[in-house]
Amino acid sequence: MSTLQEQVLDVLRQALREEGLPDGHVTADTHLFEQAGVDSLLLISFLLMVEVELQRPIDFESLDFSDLTTVRGLTAVLEEAPGAGTRSVA
């Protein structure tokens, strides 16, 4: 597991705890919606936390939300290439 993936998992676990949801069973392949209990509002909150905590800006307008069903999917988007799934900070 990549360091970025571990960091994203840590942020997800924090977001789940803040919502009072269990976080111990979450892995890189856990389906965020069906298994972890993430809803659309928690997903947005989680992505904003990733931006702030990992200093990885996310371009929400071009983000393919079908890539966000797992932490592994989100990490792949963040790691793909400079600018892929992210925007530069001006």
C-alpha atoms as a PDB file:
ATOM      1  CA  MET A   1       0.000   0.000   0.000  1.00  0.00           C
ATOM      2  CA  SER A   2       1.355   3.398  -0.968  1.00  0.00           C
ATOM      3  CA  THR A   3       2.002   6.121   1.572  1.00  0.00           C
ATOM      4  CA  LEU A   4      -0.602   8.325  -0.127  1.00  0.00           C
ATOM      5  CA  GLN A   5      -3.147   5.527   0.107  1.00  0.00           C
ATOM      6  CA  GLU A   6      -2.428   5.136   3.836  1.00  0.00           C
ATOM      7  CA  GLN A   7      -2.833   8.889   4.310  1.00  0.00           C
ATOM      8  CA  VAL A   8      -6.148   8.903   2.429  1.00  0.00           C
ATOM      9  CA  LEU A   9      -7.339   5.968   4.570  1.00  0.00           C
ATOM     10  CA  ASP A  10      -6.407   7.884   7.727  1.00  0.00           C
ATOM     11  CA  VAL A  11      -8.425  10.894   6.552  1.00  0.00           C
ATOM     12  CA  LEU A  12     -11.398   8.652   5.711  1.00  0.00           C
ATOM     13  CA  ARG A  13     -11.268   7.013   9.130  1.00  0.00           C
ATOM     14  CA  GLN A  14     -11.195  10.459  10.738  1.00  0.00           C
ATOM     15  CA  ALA A  15     -14.233  11.558   8.666  1.00  0.00           C
ATOM     16  CA  LEU A  16     -16.127   8.401   9.638  1.00  0.00           C
ATOM     17  CA  ARG A  17     -15.339   8.884  13.346  1.00  0.00           C
ATOM     18  CA  GLU A  18     -16.512  12.495  13.180  1.00  0.00           C
ATOM     19  CA  GLU A  19     -19.858  11.225  11.827  1.00  0.00           C
ATOM     20  CA  GLY A  20     -20.114   8.541  14.510  1.00  0.00           C
ATOM     21  CA  LEU A  21     -19.641   5.717  12.000  1.00  0.00           C
ATOM     22  CA  PRO A  22     -17.382   2.691  12.593  1.00  0.00           C
ATOM     23  CA  ASP A  23     -13.975   3.059  10.995  1.00  0.00           C
ATOM     24  CA  GLY A  24     -12.048  -0.069  11.972  1.00  0.00           C
ATOM     25  CA  HIS A  25     -13.078  -2.235   9.019  1.00  0.00           C
ATOM     26  CA  VAL A  26     -12.230   0.274   6.288  1.00  0.00           C
ATOM     27  CA  THR A  27      -9.521  -0.809   3.835  1.00  0.00           C
ATOM     28  CA  ALA A  28      -8.311   0.495   0.481  1.00  0.00           C
ATOM     29  CA  ASP A  29     -10.864  -1.758  -1.249  1.00  0.00           C
ATOM     30  CA  THR A  30     -13.870  -1.106   0.990  1.00  0.00           C
ATOM     31  CA  HIS A  31     -16.784   0.225  -1.077  1.00  0.00           C
ATOM     32  CA  LEU A  32     -17.310   3.662   0.425  1.00  0.00           C
ATOM     33  CA  PHE A  33     -21.055   3.807  -0.144  1.00  0.00           C
ATOM     34  CA  GLU A  34     -22.173   0.195   0.270  1.00  0.00           C
ATOM     35  CA  GLN A  35     -19.812  -0.940   3.039  1.00  0.00           C
ATOM     36  CA  ALA A  36     -18.484   2.120   4.875  1.00  0.00           C
ATOM     37  CA  GLY A  37     -21.760   4.041   5.080  1.00  0.00           C
ATOM     38  CA  VAL A  38     -20.528   7.126   3.231  1.00  0.00           C
ATOM     39  CA  ASP A  39     -23.278   9.301   1.774  1.00  0.00           C
ATOM     40  CA  SER A  40     -22.895  12.190  -0.672  1.00  0.00           C
ATOM     41  CA  LEU A  41     -22.434  14.837   2.034  1.00  0.00           C
ATOM     42  CA  LEU A  42     -19.816  12.784   3.854  1.00  0.00           C
ATOM     43  CA  LEU A  43     -18.040  12.130   0.537  1.00  0.00           C
ATOM     44  CA  ILE A  44     -17.727  15.865  -0.134  1.00  0.00           C
ATOM     45  CA  SER A  45     -16.568  16.486   3.438  1.00  0.00           C
ATOM     46  CA  PHE A  46     -14.017  13.667   3.099  1.00  0.00           C
ATOM     47  CA  LEU A  47     -12.685  15.047  -0.204  1.00  0.00           C
ATOM     48  CA  LEU A  48     -12.343  18.521   1.317  1.00  0.00           C
ATOM     49  CA  MET A  49     -10.443  16.965   4.234  1.00  0.00           C
ATOM     50  CA  VAL A  50      -8.117  15.231   1.740  1.00  0.00           C
ATOM     51  CA  GLU A  51      -7.463  18.603   0.078  1.00  0.00           C
ATOM     52  CA  VAL A  52      -6.612  20.302   3.365  1.00  0.00           C
ATOM     53  CA  GLU A  53      -4.805  17.552   5.258  1.00  0.00           C
ATOM     54  CA  LEU A  54      -2.801  16.155   2.341  1.00  0.00           C
ATOM     55  CA  GLN A  55      -2.434  19.452   0.487  1.00  0.00           C
ATOM     56  CA  ARG A  56      -3.813  17.791  -2.652  1.00  0.00           C
ATOM     57  CA  PRO A  57      -6.250  20.167  -4.384  1.00  0.00           C
ATOM     58  CA  ILE A  58      -9.059  18.350  -6.196  1.00  0.00           C
ATOM     59  CA  ASP A  59     -10.784  19.706  -9.274  1.00  0.00           C
ATOM     60  CA  PHE A  60     -14.383  18.775  -8.484  1.00  0.00           C
ATOM     61  CA  GLU A  61     -15.610  19.897 -11.897  1.00  0.00           C
ATOM     62  CA  SER A  62     -13.518  17.354 -13.784  1.00  0.00           C
ATOM     63  CA  LEU A  63     -13.519  14.617 -11.160  1.00  0.00           C
ATOM     64  CA  ASP A  64     -15.171  11.363 -12.261  1.00  0.00           C
ATOM     65  CA  PHE A  65     -17.107  10.342  -9.176  1.00  0.00           C
ATOM     66  CA  SER A  66     -17.281   6.736 -10.375  1.00  0.00           C
ATOM     67  CA  ASP A  67     -13.545   6.564  -9.499  1.00  0.00           C
ATOM     68  CA  LEU A  68     -14.395   7.351  -5.889  1.00  0.00           C
ATOM     69  CA  THR A  69     -16.081   4.150  -4.808  1.00  0.00           C
ATOM     70  CA  THR A  70     -12.914   3.047  -2.964  1.00  0.00           C
ATOM     71  CA  VAL A  71      -9.867   4.658  -1.407  1.00  0.00           C
ATOM     72  CA  ARG A  72      -7.764   2.774  -3.964  1.00  0.00           C
ATOM     73  CA  GLY A  73      -9.720   4.515  -6.760  1.00  0.00           C
ATOM     74  CA  LEU A  74      -9.301   7.972  -5.237  1.00  0.00           C
ATOM     75  CA  THR A  75      -5.604   7.359  -4.648  1.00  0.00           C
ATOM     76  CA  ALA A  76      -5.157   6.308  -8.284  1.00  0.00           C
ATOM     77  CA  VAL A  77      -6.759   9.572  -9.408  1.00  0.00           C
ATOM     78  CA  LEU A  78      -4.471  11.576  -7.112  1.00  0.00           C
ATOM     79  CA  GLU A  79      -1.341   9.684  -8.234  1.00  0.00           C
ATOM     80  CA  GLU A  80      -2.029   9.351 -11.982  1.00  0.00           C
ATOM     81  CA  ALA A  81      -0.149  12.365 -13.259  1.00  0.00           C
ATOM     82  CA  PRO A  82       0.429  15.973 -12.345  1.00  0.00           C
ATOM     83  CA  GLY A  83      -2.898  17.686 -12.900  1.00  0.00           C
ATOM     84  CA  ALA A  84      -4.883  14.470 -13.327  1.00  0.00           C
ATOM     85  CA  GLY A  85      -7.823  14.797 -10.964  1.00  0.00           C
ATOM     86  CA  THR A  86      -6.209  17.806  -9.329  1.00  0.00           C
ATOM     87  CA  ARG A  87      -5.693  21.448 -10.041  1.00  0.00           C
ATOM     88  CA  SER A  88      -2.700  23.583  -9.280  1.00  0.00           C
ATOM     89  CA  VAL A  89      -2.964  26.111  -6.497  1.00  0.00           C
ATOM     90  CA  ALA A  90      -2.647  29.686  -7.762  1.00  0.00           C
END
